[in-house]
């Protein structure tokens, strides 16, 4: 598994073979008729590209983009998105591996967030399960209308924030019990 800055990815993908494979994988996974330049967009935005390759074939990929605008905040923010897995490899935890790579690299310094399809009668249950298992929580009624319908936001705060929050909850519970 590889997680690279877009600029390092660009240096490693001289013949654009990886770019073409990832763009095609993304189009297939999201049932797009036209292949979008997802990799090229990520490179132009100085984002991050993560992928899993077996036998010289990209079988899963995902992207991240740091978008912190408040320089006074303790934590930066990063939007992670467009996680795709080849159909024949789904159900093997590859999305979770990719998401965990972002968490490993940015989970202590960034609030990670994403959107996931929650359209009535078309909920992306497998993605929600993956993200929840990685420590993300669904925000209530925070959504955007997207090409595939309603998408809700999910966030994962840095571990130190979660631990502090748990300590506060435990203190409140112990005060109630007394």
N, C-alpha and C. Protein backbone atom coordinates (compact mmCIF):
# COMPACT_ATOMS: atom_id res chain seq x y z
N UNK A 1 0.84 -1.17 0.00
CA UNK A 1 0.00 0.00 0.00
C UNK A 1 0.89 1.24 0.00
N UNK A 2 0.44 2.24 -0.70
CA UNK A 2 1.23 3.46 -0.86
C UNK A 2 0.35 4.66 -0.57
N UNK A 3 0.89 5.62 0.18
CA UNK A 3 0.25 6.92 0.39
C UNK A 3 1.31 7.96 0.10
N UNK A 4 1.09 8.72 -0.96
CA UNK A 4 2.08 9.69 -1.42
C UNK A 4 1.48 11.08 -1.54
N UNK A 5 2.33 12.07 -1.32
CA UNK A 5 1.91 13.41 -1.70
C UNK A 5 1.72 13.40 -3.21
N UNK A 6 0.87 14.26 -3.71
CA UNK A 6 0.61 14.28 -5.15
C UNK A 6 1.88 14.53 -5.94
N UNK A 7 2.76 15.37 -5.42
CA UNK A 7 4.00 15.66 -6.15
C UNK A 7 4.92 14.44 -6.21
N UNK A 8 5.00 13.68 -5.12
CA UNK A 8 5.80 12.44 -5.15
C UNK A 8 5.17 11.41 -6.07
N UNK A 9 3.84 11.34 -6.07
CA UNK A 9 3.14 10.43 -6.96
C UNK A 9 3.49 10.78 -8.41
N UNK A 10 3.43 12.06 -8.72
CA UNK A 10 3.71 12.53 -10.09
C UNK A 10 5.13 12.15 -10.51
N UNK A 11 6.08 12.29 -9.60
CA UNK A 11 7.48 11.92 -9.91
C UNK A 11 7.61 10.43 -10.18
N UNK A 12 6.84 9.61 -9.45
CA UNK A 12 6.92 8.15 -9.59
C UNK A 12 6.15 7.62 -10.80
N UNK A 13 5.20 8.39 -11.30
CA UNK A 13 4.33 7.92 -12.39
C UNK A 13 4.71 8.60 -13.70
N UNK A 14 5.92 8.38 -14.12
CA UNK A 14 6.46 9.06 -15.30
C UNK A 14 5.64 8.76 -16.56
N UNK A 15 5.25 7.52 -16.77
CA UNK A 15 4.52 7.16 -17.99
C UNK A 15 3.00 7.24 -17.84
N UNK A 16 2.51 7.72 -16.70
CA UNK A 16 1.07 7.92 -16.43
C UNK A 16 0.27 6.62 -16.36
N UNK A 17 0.94 5.50 -16.25
CA UNK A 17 0.24 4.22 -16.16
C UNK A 17 -0.62 4.16 -14.90
N UNK A 18 -0.05 4.56 -13.75
CA UNK A 18 -0.79 4.55 -12.49
C UNK A 18 -1.95 5.54 -12.54
N UNK A 19 -1.69 6.71 -13.09
CA UNK A 19 -2.74 7.73 -13.23
C UNK A 19 -3.92 7.18 -14.01
N UNK A 20 -3.64 6.57 -15.14
CA UNK A 20 -4.71 6.02 -15.98
C UNK A 20 -5.47 4.91 -15.26
N UNK A 21 -4.75 4.03 -14.56
CA UNK A 21 -5.41 2.94 -13.84
C UNK A 21 -6.30 3.47 -12.71
N UNK A 22 -5.79 4.43 -11.95
CA UNK A 22 -6.57 4.96 -10.83
C UNK A 22 -7.79 5.72 -11.33
N UNK A 23 -7.62 6.53 -12.36
CA UNK A 23 -8.78 7.26 -12.92
C UNK A 23 -9.83 6.29 -13.43
N UNK A 24 -9.41 5.22 -14.08
CA UNK A 24 -10.36 4.22 -14.60
C UNK A 24 -11.04 3.47 -13.45
N UNK A 25 -10.28 3.09 -12.44
CA UNK A 25 -10.85 2.42 -11.27
C UNK A 25 -11.91 3.29 -10.61
N UNK A 26 -11.60 4.55 -10.44
CA UNK A 26 -12.55 5.48 -9.82
C UNK A 26 -13.82 5.60 -10.65
N UNK A 27 -13.67 5.74 -11.94
CA UNK A 27 -14.84 5.83 -12.83
C UNK A 27 -15.69 4.57 -12.72
N UNK A 28 -15.06 3.41 -12.74
CA UNK A 28 -15.79 2.15 -12.65
C UNK A 28 -16.51 2.00 -11.31
N UNK A 29 -15.81 2.31 -10.23
CA UNK A 29 -16.38 2.14 -8.90
C UNK A 29 -17.58 3.05 -8.66
N UNK A 30 -17.54 4.24 -9.24
CA UNK A 30 -18.63 5.19 -9.05
C UNK A 30 -19.62 5.19 -10.21
N UNK A 31 -19.48 4.20 -11.09
CA UNK A 31 -20.38 4.02 -12.23
C UNK A 31 -20.47 5.24 -13.14
N UNK A 32 -19.33 5.90 -13.32
CA UNK A 32 -19.27 7.05 -14.23
C UNK A 32 -19.05 6.56 -15.66
N UNK A 33 -19.74 7.16 -16.58
CA UNK A 33 -19.54 6.81 -17.99
C UNK A 33 -18.28 7.43 -18.55
N UNK A 34 -17.92 8.59 -18.00
CA UNK A 34 -16.74 9.32 -18.46
C UNK A 34 -15.67 9.22 -17.38
N UNK A 35 -14.45 8.99 -17.76
CA UNK A 35 -13.34 8.93 -16.81
C UNK A 35 -12.91 10.35 -16.48
N UNK A 36 -13.01 10.72 -15.21
CA UNK A 36 -12.62 12.07 -14.76
C UNK A 36 -11.14 12.09 -14.40
N UNK A 37 -10.51 13.25 -14.52
CA UNK A 37 -9.08 13.36 -14.18
C UNK A 37 -8.87 13.54 -12.67
N UNK A 38 -9.32 12.57 -11.89
CA UNK A 38 -9.25 12.67 -10.44
C UNK A 38 -7.81 12.80 -9.95
N UNK A 39 -6.92 12.01 -10.52
CA UNK A 39 -5.51 12.09 -10.12
C UNK A 39 -4.94 13.46 -10.49
N UNK A 40 -5.18 13.91 -11.69
CA UNK A 40 -4.65 15.20 -12.14
C UNK A 40 -5.18 16.35 -11.26
N UNK A 41 -6.45 16.26 -10.88
CA UNK A 41 -7.04 17.28 -10.00
C UNK A 41 -6.34 17.27 -8.65
N UNK A 42 -6.10 16.08 -8.12
CA UNK A 42 -5.42 15.96 -6.83
C UNK A 42 -4.00 16.52 -6.92
N UNK A 43 -3.32 16.25 -8.01
CA UNK A 43 -1.96 16.78 -8.20
C UNK A 43 -2.00 18.30 -8.26
N UNK A 44 -2.96 18.86 -8.98
CA UNK A 44 -3.04 20.33 -9.09
C UNK A 44 -3.38 20.99 -7.76
N UNK A 45 -4.01 20.24 -6.84
CA UNK A 45 -4.39 20.78 -5.53
C UNK A 45 -3.39 20.40 -4.44
N UNK A 46 -2.25 19.81 -4.84
CA UNK A 46 -1.23 19.37 -3.88
C UNK A 46 -1.80 18.44 -2.81
N UNK A 47 -2.65 17.52 -3.23
CA UNK A 47 -3.27 16.59 -2.30
C UNK A 47 -2.43 15.35 -2.08
N UNK A 48 -3.12 14.28 -1.69
CA UNK A 48 -2.47 13.00 -1.39
C UNK A 48 -3.21 11.88 -2.10
N UNK A 49 -2.45 10.91 -2.56
CA UNK A 49 -3.01 9.78 -3.31
C UNK A 49 -2.56 8.50 -2.62
N UNK A 50 -3.53 7.65 -2.35
CA UNK A 50 -3.25 6.37 -1.72
C UNK A 50 -3.77 5.28 -2.64
N UNK A 51 -3.01 4.19 -2.74
CA UNK A 51 -3.49 3.10 -3.59
C UNK A 51 -2.89 1.77 -3.16
N UNK A 52 -3.57 0.71 -3.56
CA UNK A 52 -3.10 -0.65 -3.34
C UNK A 52 -2.95 -1.28 -4.71
N UNK A 53 -1.82 -1.93 -4.93
CA UNK A 53 -1.50 -2.52 -6.22
C UNK A 53 -1.17 -4.00 -6.04
N UNK A 54 -1.77 -4.83 -6.87
CA UNK A 54 -1.46 -6.26 -6.90
C UNK A 54 -1.16 -6.63 -8.35
N UNK A 55 -0.05 -7.32 -8.56
CA UNK A 55 0.35 -7.75 -9.91
C UNK A 55 0.30 -6.61 -10.92
N UNK A 56 0.88 -5.48 -10.55
CA UNK A 56 0.94 -4.29 -11.42
C UNK A 56 -0.43 -3.72 -11.79
N UNK A 57 -1.44 -4.04 -11.01
CA UNK A 57 -2.79 -3.51 -11.26
C UNK A 57 -3.27 -2.79 -10.00
N UNK A 58 -3.77 -1.57 -10.16
CA UNK A 58 -4.34 -0.82 -9.03
C UNK A 58 -5.70 -1.44 -8.72
N UNK A 59 -5.89 -1.87 -7.46
CA UNK A 59 -7.15 -2.51 -7.09
C UNK A 59 -7.96 -1.66 -6.10
N UNK A 60 -7.34 -0.65 -5.50
CA UNK A 60 -8.06 0.25 -4.59
C UNK A 60 -7.30 1.56 -4.52
N UNK A 61 -8.05 2.64 -4.33
CA UNK A 61 -7.41 3.96 -4.24
C UNK A 61 -8.28 4.91 -3.44
N UNK A 62 -7.66 5.99 -2.99
CA UNK A 62 -8.36 7.05 -2.27
C UNK A 62 -7.53 8.32 -2.30
N UNK A 63 -8.15 9.43 -1.96
CA UNK A 63 -7.51 10.73 -2.09
C UNK A 63 -7.71 11.57 -0.83
N UNK A 64 -6.81 12.51 -0.62
CA UNK A 64 -6.94 13.43 0.50
C UNK A 64 -6.50 14.81 0.08
N UNK A 65 -7.09 15.81 0.74
CA UNK A 65 -6.75 17.20 0.44
C UNK A 65 -6.79 18.00 1.73
N UNK A 66 -5.64 18.51 2.11
CA UNK A 66 -5.59 19.37 3.29
C UNK A 66 -6.26 20.69 2.93
N UNK A 67 -7.15 21.15 3.80
CA UNK A 67 -7.88 22.38 3.45
C UNK A 67 -8.03 23.31 4.64
N UNK A 68 -7.06 23.33 5.52
CA UNK A 68 -7.11 24.18 6.70
C UNK A 68 -7.02 25.64 6.29
N UNK A 69 -7.98 26.40 6.77
CA UNK A 69 -8.00 27.83 6.45
C UNK A 69 -7.71 28.68 7.69
N UNK A 70 -7.90 28.12 8.87
CA UNK A 70 -7.67 28.85 10.11
C UNK A 70 -6.29 28.48 10.64
N UNK A 71 -5.35 29.36 10.49
CA UNK A 71 -3.97 29.08 10.92
C UNK A 71 -3.83 29.10 12.44
N UNK A 72 -4.84 29.59 13.16
CA UNK A 72 -4.77 29.66 14.62
C UNK A 72 -5.34 28.42 15.29
N UNK A 73 -5.91 27.52 14.52
CA UNK A 73 -6.49 26.30 15.07
C UNK A 73 -5.39 25.32 15.46
N UNK A 74 -5.62 24.58 16.54
CA UNK A 74 -4.65 23.57 16.98
C UNK A 74 -4.51 22.46 15.96
N UNK A 75 -5.61 22.12 15.29
CA UNK A 75 -5.61 21.02 14.34
C UNK A 75 -5.89 21.52 12.93
N UNK A 76 -5.28 20.86 11.98
CA UNK A 76 -5.56 21.12 10.57
C UNK A 76 -6.76 20.26 10.18
N UNK A 77 -7.30 20.50 9.01
CA UNK A 77 -8.39 19.65 8.51
C UNK A 77 -7.98 19.05 7.18
N UNK A 78 -8.51 17.85 6.94
CA UNK A 78 -8.23 17.17 5.69
C UNK A 78 -9.50 16.47 5.22
N UNK A 79 -9.84 16.73 3.97
CA UNK A 79 -10.96 16.06 3.31
C UNK A 79 -10.41 14.82 2.62
N UNK A 80 -10.92 13.64 3.00
CA UNK A 80 -10.53 12.42 2.30
C UNK A 80 -11.73 11.97 1.48
N UNK A 81 -11.45 11.41 0.31
CA UNK A 81 -12.57 11.19 -0.61
C UNK A 81 -12.27 10.17 -1.69
N UNK A 82 -13.31 9.82 -2.39
CA UNK A 82 -13.26 9.00 -3.60
C UNK A 82 -12.51 7.69 -3.38
N UNK A 83 -12.89 6.98 -2.32
CA UNK A 83 -12.31 5.66 -2.08
C UNK A 83 -12.98 4.67 -3.02
N UNK A 84 -12.16 3.96 -3.76
CA UNK A 84 -12.65 3.04 -4.79
C UNK A 84 -11.94 1.70 -4.66
N UNK A 85 -12.70 0.64 -4.87
CA UNK A 85 -12.12 -0.71 -4.88
C UNK A 85 -12.66 -1.44 -6.10
N UNK A 86 -11.78 -2.13 -6.80
CA UNK A 86 -12.20 -2.93 -7.96
C UNK A 86 -13.24 -3.95 -7.50
N UNK A 87 -14.25 -4.14 -8.32
CA UNK A 87 -15.40 -4.98 -7.97
C UNK A 87 -14.99 -6.36 -7.43
N UNK A 88 -14.04 -7.00 -8.08
CA UNK A 88 -13.64 -8.36 -7.68
C UNK A 88 -12.86 -8.40 -6.36
N UNK A 89 -12.48 -7.24 -5.83
CA UNK A 89 -11.74 -7.19 -4.56
C UNK A 89 -12.55 -6.60 -3.41
N UNK A 90 -13.80 -6.28 -3.63
CA UNK A 90 -14.63 -5.69 -2.58
C UNK A 90 -14.90 -6.69 -1.47
N UNK A 91 -15.12 -6.17 -0.28
CA UNK A 91 -15.42 -7.01 0.87
C UNK A 91 -14.19 -7.58 1.56
N UNK A 92 -13.01 -7.11 1.19
CA UNK A 92 -11.76 -7.63 1.76
C UNK A 92 -11.08 -6.63 2.69
N UNK A 93 -11.74 -5.54 3.00
CA UNK A 93 -11.18 -4.56 3.92
C UNK A 93 -10.16 -3.62 3.31
N UNK A 94 -10.13 -3.50 1.99
CA UNK A 94 -9.14 -2.64 1.34
C UNK A 94 -9.41 -1.17 1.59
N UNK A 95 -10.67 -0.78 1.58
CA UNK A 95 -11.02 0.62 1.87
C UNK A 95 -10.55 0.97 3.28
N UNK A 96 -10.78 0.07 4.21
CA UNK A 96 -10.35 0.30 5.60
C UNK A 96 -8.84 0.47 5.67
N UNK A 97 -8.10 -0.33 4.90
CA UNK A 97 -6.64 -0.20 4.88
C UNK A 97 -6.22 1.19 4.38
N UNK A 98 -6.87 1.64 3.31
CA UNK A 98 -6.54 2.96 2.76
C UNK A 98 -6.87 4.07 3.76
N UNK A 99 -8.06 4.01 4.35
CA UNK A 99 -8.48 5.02 5.32
C UNK A 99 -7.52 5.01 6.51
N UNK A 100 -7.13 3.82 6.96
CA UNK A 100 -6.20 3.74 8.09
C UNK A 100 -4.83 4.30 7.76
N UNK A 101 -4.42 4.26 6.50
CA UNK A 101 -3.16 4.90 6.11
C UNK A 101 -3.25 6.41 6.30
N UNK A 102 -4.39 7.00 5.92
CA UNK A 102 -4.58 8.44 6.14
C UNK A 102 -4.59 8.73 7.64
N UNK A 103 -5.24 7.87 8.42
CA UNK A 103 -5.29 8.07 9.87
C UNK A 103 -3.89 7.96 10.47
N UNK A 104 -3.13 6.98 10.04
CA UNK A 104 -1.77 6.78 10.55
C UNK A 104 -0.90 8.01 10.26
N UNK A 105 -1.04 8.56 9.07
CA UNK A 105 -0.19 9.69 8.68
C UNK A 105 -0.70 11.03 9.22
N UNK A 106 -2.04 11.21 9.29
CA UNK A 106 -2.58 12.52 9.63
C UNK A 106 -3.49 12.54 10.86
N UNK A 107 -3.78 11.38 11.44
CA UNK A 107 -4.77 11.28 12.50
C UNK A 107 -4.47 12.01 13.79
N UNK A 108 -3.21 12.33 14.05
CA UNK A 108 -2.85 13.04 15.28
C UNK A 108 -2.87 14.56 15.10
N UNK A 109 -2.75 15.01 13.87
CA UNK A 109 -2.60 16.44 13.61
C UNK A 109 -3.78 17.05 12.84
N UNK A 110 -4.67 16.19 12.34
CA UNK A 110 -5.76 16.66 11.48
C UNK A 110 -7.11 16.12 11.93
N UNK A 111 -8.11 16.94 11.75
CA UNK A 111 -9.48 16.46 11.82
C UNK A 111 -9.78 15.98 10.40
N UNK A 112 -10.05 14.69 10.27
CA UNK A 112 -10.34 14.11 8.96
C UNK A 112 -11.84 14.11 8.76
N UNK A 113 -12.27 14.44 7.56
CA UNK A 113 -13.70 14.39 7.27
C UNK A 113 -13.94 13.91 5.85
N UNK A 114 -15.15 13.46 5.62
CA UNK A 114 -15.54 12.93 4.32
C UNK A 114 -17.04 13.04 4.17
N UNK A 115 -17.53 12.75 3.00
CA UNK A 115 -18.97 12.64 2.80
C UNK A 115 -19.26 11.25 2.26
N UNK A 116 -20.43 10.75 2.60
CA UNK A 116 -20.82 9.41 2.18
C UNK A 116 -22.29 9.43 1.80
N UNK A 117 -22.64 8.66 0.79
CA UNK A 117 -24.02 8.64 0.28
C UNK A 117 -24.98 8.09 1.34
N UNK A 118 -26.02 8.86 1.60
CA UNK A 118 -27.06 8.46 2.55
C UNK A 118 -28.45 8.66 1.94
N UNK A 119 -28.49 8.71 0.63
CA UNK A 119 -29.77 8.90 -0.08
C UNK A 119 -30.74 7.78 0.29
N UNK A 120 -31.98 8.13 0.60
CA UNK A 120 -32.99 7.15 0.93
C UNK A 120 -33.06 6.09 -0.18
N UNK A 121 -33.13 4.84 0.21
CA UNK A 121 -33.17 3.68 -0.69
C UNK A 121 -31.87 3.47 -1.47
N UNK A 122 -30.81 4.20 -1.15
CA UNK A 122 -29.53 4.03 -1.83
C UNK A 122 -28.37 4.36 -0.88
N UNK A 123 -28.49 3.94 0.37
CA UNK A 123 -27.47 4.24 1.38
C UNK A 123 -26.24 3.37 1.12
N UNK A 124 -25.09 3.99 1.19
CA UNK A 124 -23.83 3.27 0.98
C UNK A 124 -23.41 2.64 2.32
N UNK A 125 -24.09 1.57 2.68
CA UNK A 125 -23.90 0.94 4.00
C UNK A 125 -22.48 0.41 4.20
N UNK A 126 -21.90 -0.16 3.16
CA UNK A 126 -20.55 -0.72 3.33
C UNK A 126 -19.53 0.39 3.60
N UNK A 127 -19.67 1.52 2.95
CA UNK A 127 -18.74 2.63 3.19
C UNK A 127 -18.95 3.19 4.60
N UNK A 128 -20.20 3.35 5.01
CA UNK A 128 -20.48 3.86 6.35
C UNK A 128 -19.89 2.93 7.40
N UNK A 129 -20.03 1.63 7.20
CA UNK A 129 -19.47 0.65 8.14
C UNK A 129 -17.95 0.77 8.18
N UNK A 130 -17.33 0.89 7.02
CA UNK A 130 -15.87 1.04 6.95
C UNK A 130 -15.42 2.27 7.73
N UNK A 131 -16.04 3.41 7.46
CA UNK A 131 -15.62 4.65 8.10
C UNK A 131 -15.89 4.62 9.61
N UNK A 132 -17.02 4.06 10.01
CA UNK A 132 -17.35 3.95 11.43
C UNK A 132 -16.32 3.07 12.14
N UNK A 133 -15.94 1.96 11.51
CA UNK A 133 -14.93 1.08 12.08
C UNK A 133 -13.56 1.75 12.19
N UNK A 134 -13.35 2.80 11.42
CA UNK A 134 -12.09 3.55 11.46
C UNK A 134 -12.16 4.74 12.42
N UNK A 135 -13.26 4.86 13.17
CA UNK A 135 -13.37 5.92 14.17
C UNK A 135 -14.09 7.17 13.72
N UNK A 136 -14.72 7.16 12.56
CA UNK A 136 -15.49 8.31 12.09
C UNK A 136 -16.89 8.27 12.70
N UNK A 137 -17.45 9.44 12.91
CA UNK A 137 -18.84 9.52 13.36
C UNK A 137 -19.65 10.32 12.34
N UNK A 138 -20.90 9.92 12.19
CA UNK A 138 -21.81 10.60 11.26
C UNK A 138 -22.34 11.86 11.94
N UNK A 139 -22.26 12.96 11.25
CA UNK A 139 -22.84 14.19 11.77
C UNK A 139 -24.32 14.24 11.37
N UNK A 140 -25.19 14.54 12.31
CA UNK A 140 -26.62 14.56 11.99
C UNK A 140 -26.98 15.76 11.11
N UNK A 141 -27.75 15.50 10.11
CA UNK A 141 -28.30 16.56 9.24
C UNK A 141 -27.27 17.51 8.66
N UNK A 142 -26.07 17.01 8.42
CA UNK A 142 -25.06 17.80 7.72
C UNK A 142 -24.83 17.08 6.41
N UNK A 143 -25.43 17.59 5.37
CA UNK A 143 -25.33 16.89 4.11
C UNK A 143 -25.28 17.87 2.95
N UNK A 144 -24.95 17.33 1.81
CA UNK A 144 -24.98 18.12 0.58
C UNK A 144 -25.62 17.28 -0.50
N UNK A 145 -26.28 17.94 -1.38
CA UNK A 145 -26.83 17.24 -2.54
C UNK A 145 -25.68 17.04 -3.52
N UNK A 146 -25.52 15.83 -3.94
CA UNK A 146 -24.40 15.42 -4.78
C UNK A 146 -24.97 14.74 -6.01
N UNK A 147 -24.15 14.45 -7.00
CA UNK A 147 -24.66 13.81 -8.21
C UNK A 147 -25.36 12.49 -7.90
N UNK A 148 -24.97 11.82 -6.81
CA UNK A 148 -25.58 10.53 -6.47
C UNK A 148 -26.64 10.66 -5.37
N UNK A 149 -27.06 11.89 -5.07
CA UNK A 149 -28.10 12.11 -4.07
C UNK A 149 -27.52 12.70 -2.80
N UNK A 150 -28.27 12.53 -1.71
CA UNK A 150 -27.89 13.09 -0.43
C UNK A 150 -26.63 12.40 0.10
N UNK A 151 -25.67 13.21 0.54
CA UNK A 151 -24.44 12.72 1.17
C UNK A 151 -24.31 13.39 2.53
N UNK A 152 -24.02 12.60 3.56
CA UNK A 152 -23.81 13.14 4.90
C UNK A 152 -22.32 13.24 5.20
N UNK A 153 -21.99 14.14 6.10
CA UNK A 153 -20.61 14.30 6.53
C UNK A 153 -20.30 13.36 7.68
N UNK A 154 -19.08 12.85 7.68
CA UNK A 154 -18.55 12.05 8.78
C UNK A 154 -17.20 12.66 9.14
N UNK A 155 -16.88 12.66 10.44
CA UNK A 155 -15.60 13.23 10.87
C UNK A 155 -14.88 12.26 11.81
N UNK A 156 -13.59 12.46 11.88
CA UNK A 156 -12.75 11.74 12.84
C UNK A 156 -11.80 12.76 13.43
N UNK A 157 -11.91 12.96 14.74
CA UNK A 157 -11.06 13.94 15.41
C UNK A 157 -9.79 13.25 15.88
N UNK A 158 -8.72 14.02 16.08
CA UNK A 158 -7.47 13.42 16.55
C UNK A 158 -7.67 12.65 17.86
N UNK A 159 -6.87 11.64 18.07
CA UNK A 159 -6.98 10.76 19.22
C UNK A 159 -6.96 11.54 20.53
N UNK A 160 -6.10 12.53 20.66
CA UNK A 160 -6.00 13.29 21.91
C UNK A 160 -7.31 14.00 22.23
N UNK A 161 -8.02 14.47 21.22
CA UNK A 161 -9.32 15.13 21.43
C UNK A 161 -10.33 14.11 21.91
N UNK A 162 -10.34 12.92 21.31
CA UNK A 162 -11.29 11.87 21.69
C UNK A 162 -11.03 11.42 23.13
N UNK A 163 -9.77 11.27 23.51
CA UNK A 163 -9.43 10.85 24.86
C UNK A 163 -9.87 11.90 25.87
N UNK A 164 -9.64 13.17 25.58
CA UNK A 164 -10.05 14.25 26.48
C UNK A 164 -11.57 14.26 26.64
N UNK A 165 -12.27 14.03 25.54
CA UNK A 165 -13.73 14.00 25.58
C UNK A 165 -14.22 12.84 26.44
N UNK A 166 -13.59 11.68 26.32
CA UNK A 166 -13.97 10.52 27.13
C UNK A 166 -13.72 10.77 28.61
N UNK A 167 -12.61 11.43 28.95
CA UNK A 167 -12.32 11.74 30.35
C UNK A 167 -13.39 12.65 30.93
N UNK A 168 -13.83 13.65 30.17
CA UNK A 168 -14.88 14.57 30.63
C UNK A 168 -16.18 13.80 30.88
N UNK A 169 -16.52 12.90 29.97
CA UNK A 169 -17.74 12.11 30.14
C UNK A 169 -17.66 11.24 31.38
N UNK A 170 -16.50 10.62 31.63
CA UNK A 170 -16.33 9.77 32.80
C UNK A 170 -16.46 10.59 34.08
N UNK A 171 -15.90 11.80 34.09
CA UNK A 171 -16.00 12.67 35.26
C UNK A 171 -17.46 13.03 35.53
N UNK A 172 -18.20 13.36 34.48
CA UNK A 172 -19.62 13.71 34.63
C UNK A 172 -20.39 12.53 35.18
N UNK A 173 -20.13 11.32 34.68
CA UNK A 173 -20.83 10.13 35.15
C UNK A 173 -20.52 9.87 36.62
N UNK A 174 -19.24 9.99 37.01
CA UNK A 174 -18.87 9.73 38.39
C UNK A 174 -19.49 10.76 39.34
N UNK A 175 -19.65 12.00 38.90
CA UNK A 175 -20.30 13.02 39.72
C UNK A 175 -21.78 12.72 39.89
N UNK A 176 -22.43 12.21 38.86
CA UNK A 176 -23.85 11.85 38.92
C UNK A 176 -24.09 10.68 39.87
N UNK A 177 -23.16 9.76 39.88
CA UNK A 177 -23.31 8.55 40.72
C UNK A 177 -23.19 8.92 42.21
N UNK A 178 -22.35 9.88 42.55
CA UNK A 178 -22.15 10.29 43.95
C UNK A 178 -23.37 10.95 44.44
